[in-house]
Amino acid sequence: MWVSTNENGLCNRLKSLISALRLDAEAKVYWQKNRKVGCRFSDLFKNDIEVDHIPEGANIYNSWRFCIIRDGHLYVPEEERAYYDFQYENTDPNVKFEIQQIISKFVFNDYIQHQVDSFKMPADCISVQVRSWRERSHLDRAKNYKIEKYFDAIDRLGGKYLFVTGDHNKVVRLVKKRYGDRVITYP
């Protein structure tokens, strides 16, 4: 049995879980609350796959990357750029389909589904995620953050609506200040 145990942010945990489910259709998830994700898997989804401990003898998938499977087994490439995370357009269509099939089996709990159903965005809306890398563990990346680079990219897109998320409220406020009513957020 495979168990996904990644403790990073929401998307990284989901990539880890999808990978475990690719390795074993009966895989489980050990999903603990922490400062990065303040809820349990069962707070978001109805799927009955969460475990409260890692079973003895379980295979653990802890990576934040989509796994690569070769000859039915987990394959760990030597080079970073070999991972699907960096090769979406070059990823085998069968692998993409397999990942999409797994994602389609996740069932939001009633509260989350209601929020999704009631949240409306204009058709001409684009999504912008601003990473300022303010966490202590990412200070080396923070030196590359410049909000002006985001503004330049957004300006090139024209007057579309912007669905904005960020790793810190300050960066979202900066985008709202510059683009006003064009900015849509979700608390």
N, C-alpha and C. Protein backbone atom coordinates (compact mmCIF):
# COMPACT_ATOMS: atom_id res chain seq x y z
N MET A 1 0.84 -1.18 0.00
CA MET A 1 0.00 0.00 0.00
C MET A 1 0.89 1.24 0.00
N TRP A 2 0.48 2.24 -0.80
CA TRP A 2 1.16 3.52 -0.83
C TRP A 2 0.39 4.53 0.01
N VAL A 3 1.15 5.40 0.70
CA VAL A 3 0.56 6.46 1.50
C VAL A 3 1.26 7.76 1.14
N SER A 4 0.46 8.77 0.81
CA SER A 4 0.99 10.10 0.55
C SER A 4 1.15 10.82 1.88
N THR A 5 2.32 11.43 2.10
CA THR A 5 2.59 12.06 3.40
C THR A 5 3.12 13.49 3.29
N ASN A 6 3.06 14.10 2.12
CA ASN A 6 3.63 15.42 1.94
C ASN A 6 2.96 16.44 2.86
N GLU A 7 3.76 17.32 3.49
CA GLU A 7 3.24 18.29 4.45
C GLU A 7 3.37 19.73 3.97
N ASN A 8 3.61 19.94 2.68
CA ASN A 8 3.73 21.29 2.15
C ASN A 8 2.35 21.88 1.88
N GLY A 9 2.28 22.84 0.96
CA GLY A 9 1.03 23.51 0.66
C GLY A 9 0.01 22.61 -0.03
N LEU A 10 -1.17 23.14 -0.22
CA LEU A 10 -2.29 22.38 -0.76
C LEU A 10 -1.97 21.71 -2.09
N CYS A 11 -1.47 22.47 -3.05
CA CYS A 11 -1.19 21.88 -4.37
C CYS A 11 -0.12 20.81 -4.31
N ASN A 12 0.90 21.02 -3.52
CA ASN A 12 1.95 20.01 -3.39
C ASN A 12 1.41 18.74 -2.75
N ARG A 13 0.55 18.89 -1.77
CA ARG A 13 -0.06 17.70 -1.15
C ARG A 13 -0.92 16.95 -2.15
N LEU A 14 -1.66 17.69 -2.97
CA LEU A 14 -2.51 17.03 -3.96
C LEU A 14 -1.68 16.32 -5.02
N LYS A 15 -0.57 16.92 -5.47
CA LYS A 15 0.30 16.24 -6.42
C LYS A 15 0.88 14.96 -5.81
N SER A 16 1.23 15.02 -4.54
CA SER A 16 1.74 13.85 -3.86
C SER A 16 0.68 12.75 -3.79
N LEU A 17 -0.53 13.14 -3.43
CA LEU A 17 -1.62 12.16 -3.33
C LEU A 17 -1.96 11.58 -4.70
N ILE A 18 -2.04 12.40 -5.71
CA ILE A 18 -2.31 11.90 -7.06
C ILE A 18 -1.24 10.91 -7.47
N SER A 19 0.00 11.20 -7.13
CA SER A 19 1.10 10.29 -7.45
C SER A 19 0.93 8.95 -6.73
N ALA A 20 0.61 9.00 -5.45
CA ALA A 20 0.39 7.76 -4.70
C ALA A 20 -0.74 6.95 -5.31
N LEU A 21 -1.80 7.64 -5.74
CA LEU A 21 -2.94 6.95 -6.37
C LEU A 21 -2.57 6.40 -7.76
N ARG A 22 -1.61 7.00 -8.43
CA ARG A 22 -1.12 6.42 -9.68
C ARG A 22 -0.34 5.15 -9.41
N LEU A 23 0.37 5.11 -8.28
CA LEU A 23 1.16 3.93 -7.92
C LEU A 23 0.29 2.81 -7.37
N ASP A 24 -0.85 3.19 -6.76
CA ASP A 24 -1.74 2.21 -6.13
C ASP A 24 -3.13 2.81 -6.04
N ALA A 25 -4.08 2.27 -6.76
CA ALA A 25 -5.45 2.81 -6.78
C ALA A 25 -6.09 2.81 -5.40
N GLU A 26 -5.54 2.05 -4.47
CA GLU A 26 -6.07 1.98 -3.10
C GLU A 26 -5.22 2.80 -2.12
N ALA A 27 -4.38 3.67 -2.64
CA ALA A 27 -3.49 4.47 -1.78
C ALA A 27 -4.28 5.30 -0.78
N LYS A 28 -3.62 5.69 0.27
CA LYS A 28 -4.20 6.51 1.34
C LYS A 28 -3.41 7.80 1.47
N VAL A 29 -3.95 8.70 2.28
CA VAL A 29 -3.25 9.96 2.53
C VAL A 29 -3.17 10.21 4.03
N TYR A 30 -1.98 10.53 4.50
CA TYR A 30 -1.74 10.96 5.87
C TYR A 30 -1.56 12.46 5.79
N TRP A 31 -2.59 13.22 6.18
CA TRP A 31 -2.69 14.66 5.91
C TRP A 31 -2.87 15.37 7.23
N GLN A 32 -1.82 15.97 7.73
CA GLN A 32 -1.89 16.65 9.02
C GLN A 32 -2.03 18.15 8.83
N LYS A 33 -2.78 18.76 9.75
CA LYS A 33 -2.86 20.23 9.76
C LYS A 33 -1.50 20.78 10.15
N ASN A 34 -1.16 21.91 9.54
CA ASN A 34 0.04 22.63 9.94
C ASN A 34 -0.13 24.08 9.52
N ARG A 35 0.91 24.87 9.63
CA ARG A 35 0.76 26.29 9.30
C ARG A 35 0.61 26.51 7.81
N LYS A 36 0.98 25.56 6.99
CA LYS A 36 0.83 25.71 5.54
C LYS A 36 -0.57 25.31 5.06
N VAL A 37 -1.13 24.31 5.69
CA VAL A 37 -2.49 23.87 5.36
C VAL A 37 -3.22 23.64 6.68
N GLY A 38 -4.16 24.51 6.97
CA GLY A 38 -4.83 24.48 8.27
C GLY A 38 -6.08 23.63 8.33
N CYS A 39 -6.12 22.57 7.53
CA CYS A 39 -7.28 21.69 7.56
C CYS A 39 -6.85 20.26 7.24
N ARG A 40 -7.75 19.34 7.50
CA ARG A 40 -7.53 17.94 7.17
C ARG A 40 -8.03 17.69 5.75
N PHE A 41 -7.63 16.62 5.15
CA PHE A 41 -8.12 16.22 3.83
C PHE A 41 -9.64 16.10 3.88
N SER A 42 -10.14 15.50 4.95
CA SER A 42 -11.59 15.28 5.08
C SER A 42 -12.36 16.58 5.29
N ASP A 43 -11.69 17.67 5.62
CA ASP A 43 -12.35 18.98 5.68
C ASP A 43 -12.65 19.52 4.28
N LEU A 44 -11.97 18.98 3.28
CA LEU A 44 -12.13 19.45 1.91
C LEU A 44 -12.87 18.46 1.01
N PHE A 45 -12.59 17.17 1.22
CA PHE A 45 -13.08 16.15 0.30
C PHE A 45 -13.87 15.06 1.03
N LYS A 46 -14.79 14.44 0.29
CA LYS A 46 -15.59 13.32 0.82
C LYS A 46 -14.89 11.98 0.66
N ASN A 47 -13.90 11.89 -0.21
CA ASN A 47 -13.23 10.62 -0.46
C ASN A 47 -12.71 10.03 0.84
N ASP A 48 -13.01 8.77 1.09
CA ASP A 48 -12.63 8.11 2.33
C ASP A 48 -11.26 7.44 2.17
N ILE A 49 -10.22 8.27 2.12
CA ILE A 49 -8.87 7.72 1.91
C ILE A 49 -7.87 8.24 2.95
N GLU A 50 -8.33 9.05 3.89
CA GLU A 50 -7.42 9.63 4.88
C GLU A 50 -7.18 8.63 6.01
N VAL A 51 -5.93 8.55 6.45
CA VAL A 51 -5.58 7.70 7.59
C VAL A 51 -4.99 8.58 8.69
N ASP A 52 -5.15 8.15 9.95
CA ASP A 52 -4.63 8.95 11.07
C ASP A 52 -3.25 8.51 11.51
N HIS A 53 -2.71 7.49 10.87
CA HIS A 53 -1.32 7.08 11.10
C HIS A 53 -0.85 6.33 9.85
N ILE A 54 0.44 6.22 9.71
CA ILE A 54 1.00 5.52 8.56
C ILE A 54 1.07 4.04 8.90
N PRO A 55 0.35 3.21 8.16
CA PRO A 55 0.36 1.77 8.46
C PRO A 55 1.76 1.16 8.33
N GLU A 56 2.05 0.23 9.19
CA GLU A 56 3.34 -0.44 9.16
C GLU A 56 3.53 -1.13 7.81
N GLY A 57 4.70 -0.95 7.25
CA GLY A 57 5.04 -1.58 5.99
C GLY A 57 4.55 -0.83 4.76
N ALA A 58 3.89 0.30 4.96
CA ALA A 58 3.39 1.06 3.82
C ALA A 58 4.54 1.71 3.05
N ASN A 59 4.37 1.82 1.76
CA ASN A 59 5.30 2.60 0.93
C ASN A 59 4.88 4.06 1.05
N ILE A 60 5.84 4.93 1.23
CA ILE A 60 5.54 6.35 1.44
C ILE A 60 5.92 7.16 0.21
N TYR A 61 4.97 7.98 -0.25
CA TYR A 61 5.26 8.95 -1.30
C TYR A 61 5.18 10.31 -0.66
N ASN A 62 6.32 11.00 -0.54
CA ASN A 62 6.38 12.27 0.17
C ASN A 62 6.77 13.44 -0.72
N SER A 63 7.05 13.19 -1.97
CA SER A 63 7.51 14.25 -2.85
C SER A 63 6.38 15.20 -3.22
N TRP A 64 6.74 16.45 -3.53
CA TRP A 64 5.76 17.42 -4.00
C TRP A 64 5.58 17.33 -5.50
N ARG A 65 6.34 16.50 -6.14
CA ARG A 65 6.30 16.37 -7.60
C ARG A 65 5.38 15.22 -8.01
N PHE A 66 4.80 15.35 -9.23
CA PHE A 66 4.11 14.21 -9.79
C PHE A 66 5.12 13.10 -10.01
N CYS A 67 4.78 11.89 -9.64
CA CYS A 67 5.73 10.79 -9.78
C CYS A 67 5.87 10.38 -11.24
N ILE A 68 6.97 9.76 -11.53
CA ILE A 68 7.22 9.17 -12.83
C ILE A 68 7.22 7.66 -12.62
N ILE A 69 6.47 6.96 -13.45
CA ILE A 69 6.38 5.50 -13.34
C ILE A 69 6.98 4.90 -14.60
N ARG A 70 7.92 3.99 -14.40
CA ARG A 70 8.51 3.27 -15.53
C ARG A 70 8.42 1.78 -15.22
N ASP A 71 7.95 1.03 -16.18
CA ASP A 71 7.79 -0.43 -16.02
C ASP A 71 7.01 -0.77 -14.76
N GLY A 72 6.01 0.04 -14.44
CA GLY A 72 5.14 -0.23 -13.30
C GLY A 72 5.71 0.16 -11.95
N HIS A 73 6.88 0.79 -11.93
CA HIS A 73 7.53 1.14 -10.66
C HIS A 73 7.88 2.62 -10.62
N LEU A 74 7.98 3.14 -9.42
CA LEU A 74 8.38 4.53 -9.22
C LEU A 74 9.79 4.72 -9.77
N TYR A 75 9.94 5.77 -10.56
CA TYR A 75 11.24 6.10 -11.14
C TYR A 75 11.63 7.49 -10.65
N VAL A 76 12.83 7.63 -10.13
CA VAL A 76 13.32 8.92 -9.66
C VAL A 76 14.44 9.38 -10.59
N PRO A 77 14.15 10.39 -11.43
CA PRO A 77 15.18 10.84 -12.38
C PRO A 77 16.30 11.59 -11.68
N GLU A 78 17.44 11.63 -12.31
CA GLU A 78 18.58 12.34 -11.75
C GLU A 78 18.49 13.84 -11.99
N GLU A 79 17.82 14.25 -13.07
CA GLU A 79 17.76 15.66 -13.42
C GLU A 79 16.39 16.25 -13.08
N GLU A 80 16.39 17.43 -12.50
CA GLU A 80 15.16 18.14 -12.14
C GLU A 80 14.22 18.29 -13.33
N ARG A 81 14.76 18.66 -14.46
CA ARG A 81 13.90 18.98 -15.60
C ARG A 81 13.20 17.76 -16.18
N ALA A 82 13.51 16.58 -15.71
CA ALA A 82 12.85 15.37 -16.20
C ALA A 82 11.44 15.21 -15.61
N TYR A 83 11.15 15.90 -14.52
CA TYR A 83 9.85 15.76 -13.88
C TYR A 83 8.75 16.41 -14.71
N TYR A 84 7.55 15.86 -14.63
CA TYR A 84 6.40 16.39 -15.36
C TYR A 84 6.12 17.84 -15.00
N ASP A 85 6.44 18.24 -13.78
CA ASP A 85 6.18 19.60 -13.33
C ASP A 85 6.80 20.63 -14.27
N PHE A 86 7.87 20.26 -14.94
CA PHE A 86 8.58 21.18 -15.81
C PHE A 86 8.35 20.88 -17.29
N GLN A 87 7.51 19.90 -17.60
CA GLN A 87 7.37 19.47 -18.99
C GLN A 87 5.93 19.26 -19.40
N TYR A 88 5.02 20.09 -18.94
CA TYR A 88 3.61 19.81 -19.20
C TYR A 88 3.34 19.54 -20.68
N GLU A 89 3.82 20.40 -21.56
CA GLU A 89 3.54 20.23 -22.99
C GLU A 89 4.20 18.98 -23.57
N ASN A 90 5.26 18.51 -22.93
CA ASN A 90 5.97 17.33 -23.44
C ASN A 90 5.60 16.05 -22.70
N THR A 91 4.70 16.14 -21.74
CA THR A 91 4.31 14.95 -20.98
C THR A 91 3.44 14.05 -21.85
N ASP A 92 3.68 12.77 -21.77
CA ASP A 92 2.91 11.78 -22.51
C ASP A 92 1.41 12.02 -22.30
N PRO A 93 0.63 12.12 -23.35
CA PRO A 93 -0.82 12.34 -23.21
C PRO A 93 -1.52 11.29 -22.35
N ASN A 94 -1.00 10.06 -22.35
CA ASN A 94 -1.59 9.01 -21.51
C ASN A 94 -1.38 9.30 -20.03
N VAL A 95 -0.23 9.87 -19.69
CA VAL A 95 0.04 10.25 -18.30
C VAL A 95 -0.88 11.39 -17.90
N LYS A 96 -1.02 12.39 -18.76
CA LYS A 96 -1.94 13.50 -18.48
C LYS A 96 -3.35 12.98 -18.25
N PHE A 97 -3.78 12.08 -19.12
CA PHE A 97 -5.13 11.51 -19.00
C PHE A 97 -5.29 10.77 -17.67
N GLU A 98 -4.29 9.98 -17.31
CA GLU A 98 -4.33 9.23 -16.05
C GLU A 98 -4.44 10.18 -14.85
N ILE A 99 -3.67 11.25 -14.86
CA ILE A 99 -3.73 12.23 -13.78
C ILE A 99 -5.10 12.90 -13.76
N GLN A 100 -5.63 13.26 -14.91
CA GLN A 100 -6.95 13.88 -14.98
C GLN A 100 -8.04 12.95 -14.47
N GLN A 101 -7.92 11.66 -14.76
CA GLN A 101 -8.90 10.68 -14.29
C GLN A 101 -8.89 10.59 -12.76
N ILE A 102 -7.71 10.63 -12.18
CA ILE A 102 -7.61 10.58 -10.72
C ILE A 102 -8.22 11.84 -10.12
N ILE A 103 -7.87 13.01 -10.68
CA ILE A 103 -8.41 14.27 -10.17
C ILE A 103 -9.94 14.26 -10.24
N SER A 104 -10.49 13.71 -11.31
CA SER A 104 -11.94 13.71 -11.48
C SER A 104 -12.66 12.88 -10.43
N LYS A 105 -11.94 12.04 -9.71
CA LYS A 105 -12.56 11.21 -8.67
C LYS A 105 -12.61 11.88 -7.30
N PHE A 106 -11.93 13.03 -7.16
CA PHE A 106 -12.01 13.76 -5.90
C PHE A 106 -13.38 14.41 -5.81
N VAL A 107 -14.01 14.27 -4.65
CA VAL A 107 -15.35 14.81 -4.45
C VAL A 107 -15.28 15.82 -3.31
N PHE A 108 -15.54 17.09 -3.63
CA PHE A 108 -15.55 18.12 -2.60
C PHE A 108 -16.63 17.83 -1.56
N ASN A 109 -16.36 18.23 -0.31
CA ASN A 109 -17.43 18.13 0.68
C ASN A 109 -18.49 19.18 0.34
N ASP A 110 -19.65 19.09 0.98
CA ASP A 110 -20.79 19.94 0.61
C ASP A 110 -20.48 21.42 0.74
N TYR A 111 -19.80 21.82 1.80
CA TYR A 111 -19.49 23.24 1.99
C TYR A 111 -18.59 23.76 0.87
N ILE A 112 -17.53 23.03 0.56
CA ILE A 112 -16.61 23.45 -0.49
C ILE A 112 -17.33 23.49 -1.83
N GLN A 113 -18.13 22.47 -2.13
CA GLN A 113 -18.86 22.44 -3.40
C GLN A 113 -19.80 23.63 -3.52
N HIS A 114 -20.46 24.00 -2.42
CA HIS A 114 -21.35 25.16 -2.44
C HIS A 114 -20.55 26.44 -2.73
N GLN A 115 -19.36 26.57 -2.13
CA GLN A 115 -18.53 27.74 -2.37
C GLN A 115 -18.11 27.81 -3.85
N VAL A 116 -17.73 26.66 -4.41
CA VAL A 116 -17.33 26.62 -5.82
C VAL A 116 -18.51 27.00 -6.71
N ASP A 117 -19.67 26.43 -6.43
CA ASP A 117 -20.85 26.68 -7.26
C ASP A 117 -21.31 28.14 -7.19
N SER A 118 -21.10 28.79 -6.06
CA SER A 118 -21.62 30.15 -5.90
C SER A 118 -20.60 31.23 -6.27
N PHE A 119 -19.35 30.84 -6.52
CA PHE A 119 -18.32 31.82 -6.87
C PHE A 119 -18.34 32.04 -8.37
N LYS A 120 -18.60 33.25 -8.79
CA LYS A 120 -18.71 33.58 -10.21
C LYS A 120 -17.56 34.47 -10.63
N MET A 121 -17.01 34.16 -11.81
CA MET A 121 -15.96 35.01 -12.39
C MET A 121 -16.36 35.32 -13.82
N PRO A 122 -15.98 36.51 -14.29
CA PRO A 122 -16.25 36.86 -15.69
C PRO A 122 -15.48 35.93 -16.63
N ALA A 123 -16.02 35.76 -17.83
CA ALA A 123 -15.39 34.88 -18.82
C ALA A 123 -14.00 35.38 -19.23
N ASP A 124 -13.79 36.69 -19.19
CA ASP A 124 -12.50 37.23 -19.62
C ASP A 124 -11.56 37.47 -18.44
N CYS A 125 -11.57 36.55 -17.50
CA CYS A 125 -10.77 36.66 -16.29
C CYS A 125 -9.53 35.77 -16.41
N ILE A 126 -8.40 36.27 -15.97
CA ILE A 126 -7.19 35.46 -15.91
C ILE A 126 -6.76 35.32 -14.46
N SER A 127 -6.05 34.27 -14.18
CA SER A 127 -5.60 34.00 -12.82
C SER A 127 -4.15 34.43 -12.67
N VAL A 128 -3.87 35.10 -11.57
CA VAL A 128 -2.51 35.56 -11.27
C VAL A 128 -2.18 35.12 -9.84
N GLN A 129 -1.12 34.34 -9.69
CA GLN A 129 -0.66 33.97 -8.37
C GLN A 129 0.68 34.66 -8.14
N VAL A 130 0.73 35.48 -7.09
CA VAL A 130 1.94 36.24 -6.79
C VAL A 130 2.70 35.52 -5.67
N ARG A 131 3.95 35.19 -5.96
CA ARG A 131 4.82 34.56 -4.97
C ARG A 131 5.88 35.56 -4.54
N SER A 132 5.82 35.95 -3.27
CA SER A 132 6.85 36.87 -2.76
C SER A 132 7.93 36.12 -1.98
N TRP A 133 7.67 34.86 -1.67
CA TRP A 133 8.65 34.02 -0.98
C TRP A 133 9.07 34.62 0.35
N ARG A 134 8.11 35.07 1.14
CA ARG A 134 8.41 35.75 2.40
C ARG A 134 8.77 34.79 3.53
N GLU A 135 8.52 33.51 3.35
CA GLU A 135 8.84 32.55 4.40
C GLU A 135 10.35 32.48 4.62
N ARG A 136 10.71 32.25 5.84
CA ARG A 136 12.13 32.17 6.19
C ARG A 136 12.87 31.12 5.37
N SER A 137 12.20 30.01 5.08
CA SER A 137 12.85 28.93 4.35
C SER A 137 13.06 29.25 2.87
N HIS A 138 12.48 30.37 2.38
CA HIS A 138 12.60 30.72 0.97
C HIS A 138 13.25 32.08 0.75
N LEU A 139 14.01 32.54 1.71
CA LEU A 139 14.61 33.87 1.58
C LEU A 139 15.53 33.98 0.37
N ASP A 140 16.14 32.88 -0.03
CA ASP A 140 17.00 32.91 -1.21
C ASP A 140 16.18 33.22 -2.47
N ARG A 141 14.92 32.81 -2.51
CA ARG A 141 14.05 33.11 -3.65
C ARG A 141 13.48 34.52 -3.55
N ALA A 142 13.32 35.02 -2.34
CA ALA A 142 12.71 36.34 -2.13
C ALA A 142 13.49 37.45 -2.82
N LYS A 143 14.78 37.29 -2.94
CA LYS A 143 15.58 38.35 -3.57
C LYS A 143 15.19 38.55 -5.04
N ASN A 144 14.55 37.57 -5.67
CA ASN A 144 14.12 37.69 -7.06
C ASN A 144 12.73 38.27 -7.20
N TYR A 145 12.01 38.41 -6.10
CA TYR A 145 10.64 38.93 -6.15
C TYR A 145 10.65 40.44 -6.38
N LYS A 146 9.91 40.85 -7.39
CA LYS A 146 9.70 42.27 -7.67
C LYS A 146 8.27 42.40 -8.16
N ILE A 147 7.42 43.10 -7.41
CA ILE A 147 6.02 43.24 -7.79
C ILE A 147 5.90 43.91 -9.16
N GLU A 148 6.86 44.74 -9.51
CA GLU A 148 6.83 45.42 -10.81
C GLU A 148 6.86 44.44 -11.97
N LYS A 149 7.54 43.30 -11.79
CA LYS A 149 7.57 42.28 -12.84
C LYS A 149 6.17 41.72 -13.08
N TYR A 150 5.42 41.55 -12.02
CA TYR A 150 4.03 41.09 -12.15
C TYR A 150 3.20 42.16 -12.85
N PHE A 151 3.39 43.41 -12.44
CA PHE A 151 2.64 44.50 -13.05
C PHE A 151 2.93 44.58 -14.56
N ASP A 152 4.19 44.44 -14.95
CA ASP A 152 4.55 44.48 -16.37
C ASP A 152 3.84 43.37 -17.14
N ALA A 153 3.84 42.17 -16.58
CA ALA A 153 3.18 41.04 -17.25
C ALA A 153 1.67 41.26 -17.35
N ILE A 154 1.06 41.74 -16.29
CA ILE A 154 -0.38 42.00 -16.28
C ILE A 154 -0.72 43.10 -17.28
N ASP A 155 0.08 44.14 -17.33
CA ASP A 155 -0.17 45.25 -18.26
C ASP A 155 -0.17 44.78 -19.71
N ARG A 156 0.69 43.81 -20.03
CA ARG A 156 0.74 43.29 -21.40
C ARG A 156 -0.51 42.50 -21.78
N LEU A 157 -1.28 42.05 -20.79
CA LEU A 157 -2.47 41.24 -21.06
C LEU A 157 -3.70 42.08 -21.40
N GLY A 158 -3.62 43.35 -21.19
CA GLY A 158 -4.77 44.21 -21.49
C GLY A 158 -5.68 44.34 -20.29
N GLY A 159 -6.89 44.83 -20.54
CA GLY A 159 -7.80 45.18 -19.45
C GLY A 159 -8.68 44.07 -18.93
N LYS A 160 -8.18 42.87 -18.85
CA LYS A 160 -8.99 41.75 -18.38
C LYS A 160 -9.16 41.78 -16.87
N TYR A 161 -10.19 41.06 -16.41
CA TYR A 161 -10.34 40.86 -14.97
C TYR A 161 -9.23 39.95 -14.49
N LEU A 162 -8.87 40.10 -13.21
CA LEU A 162 -7.77 39.34 -12.62
C LEU A 162 -8.25 38.62 -11.37
N PHE A 163 -8.16 37.30 -11.37
CA PHE A 163 -8.39 36.55 -10.15
C PHE A 163 -7.03 36.41 -9.49
N VAL A 164 -6.83 37.06 -8.34
CA VAL A 164 -5.51 37.18 -7.74
C VAL A 164 -5.42 36.40 -6.44
N THR A 165 -4.38 35.59 -6.35
CA THR A 165 -4.03 34.91 -5.11
C THR A 165 -2.57 35.21 -4.84
N GLY A 166 -2.14 35.01 -3.61
CA GLY A 166 -0.75 35.26 -3.28
C GLY A 166 -0.35 34.56 -2.01
N ASP A 167 0.93 34.52 -1.77
CA ASP A 167 1.43 33.87 -0.57
C ASP A 167 1.45 34.82 0.63
N HIS A 168 1.00 36.06 0.41
CA HIS A 168 0.95 37.02 1.50
C HIS A 168 -0.10 38.07 1.16
N ASN A 169 -0.89 38.49 2.14
CA ASN A 169 -1.95 39.47 1.90
C ASN A 169 -1.42 40.78 1.32
N LYS A 170 -0.20 41.14 1.70
CA LYS A 170 0.37 42.41 1.22
C LYS A 170 0.47 42.45 -0.30
N VAL A 171 0.90 41.36 -0.92
CA VAL A 171 1.06 41.36 -2.37
C VAL A 171 -0.29 41.45 -3.07
N VAL A 172 -1.31 40.82 -2.49
CA VAL A 172 -2.65 40.91 -3.08
C VAL A 172 -3.16 42.35 -2.97
N ARG A 173 -2.91 43.00 -1.83
CA ARG A 173 -3.32 44.40 -1.67
C ARG A 173 -2.63 45.31 -2.68
N LEU A 174 -1.36 45.05 -2.97
CA LEU A 174 -0.66 45.86 -3.96
C LEU A 174 -1.30 45.73 -5.35
N VAL A 175 -1.66 44.52 -5.72
CA VAL A 175 -2.30 44.32 -7.02
C VAL A 175 -3.68 44.99 -7.03
N LYS A 176 -4.42 44.87 -5.94
CA LYS A 176 -5.74 45.52 -5.85
C LYS A 176 -5.60 47.04 -5.96
N LYS A 177 -4.59 47.59 -5.32
CA LYS A 177 -4.39 49.04 -5.34
C LYS A 177 -4.14 49.52 -6.77
N ARG A 178 -3.36 48.77 -7.52
CA ARG A 178 -3.02 49.19 -8.88
C ARG A 178 -4.16 48.96 -9.87
N TYR A 179 -4.89 47.84 -9.74
CA TYR A 179 -5.87 47.47 -10.77
C TYR A 179 -7.33 47.60 -10.32
N GLY A 180 -7.55 48.00 -9.09
CA GLY A 180 -8.88 48.33 -8.60
C GLY A 180 -9.95 47.29 -8.82
N ASP A 181 -11.07 47.69 -9.45
CA ASP A 181 -12.24 46.84 -9.61
C ASP A 181 -12.02 45.66 -10.55
N ARG A 182 -10.90 45.66 -11.25
CA ARG A 182 -10.59 44.51 -12.13
C ARG A 182 -10.16 43.29 -11.32
N VAL A 183 -9.81 43.50 -10.05
CA VAL A 183 -9.26 42.42 -9.23
C VAL A 183 -10.38 41.69 -8.48
N ILE A 184 -10.36 40.36 -8.62
CA ILE A 184 -11.28 39.49 -7.91
C ILE A 184 -10.44 38.63 -6.98
N THR A 185 -10.87 38.51 -5.73
CA THR A 185 -10.16 37.64 -4.77
C THR A 185 -11.19 36.78 -4.07
N TYR A 186 -10.69 35.78 -3.40
CA TYR A 186 -11.55 34.94 -2.55
C TYR A 186 -10.87 34.89 -1.19
N PRO A 187 -11.60 35.25 -0.14
CA PRO A 187 -10.94 35.30 1.18
C PRO A 187 -10.47 33.95 1.68
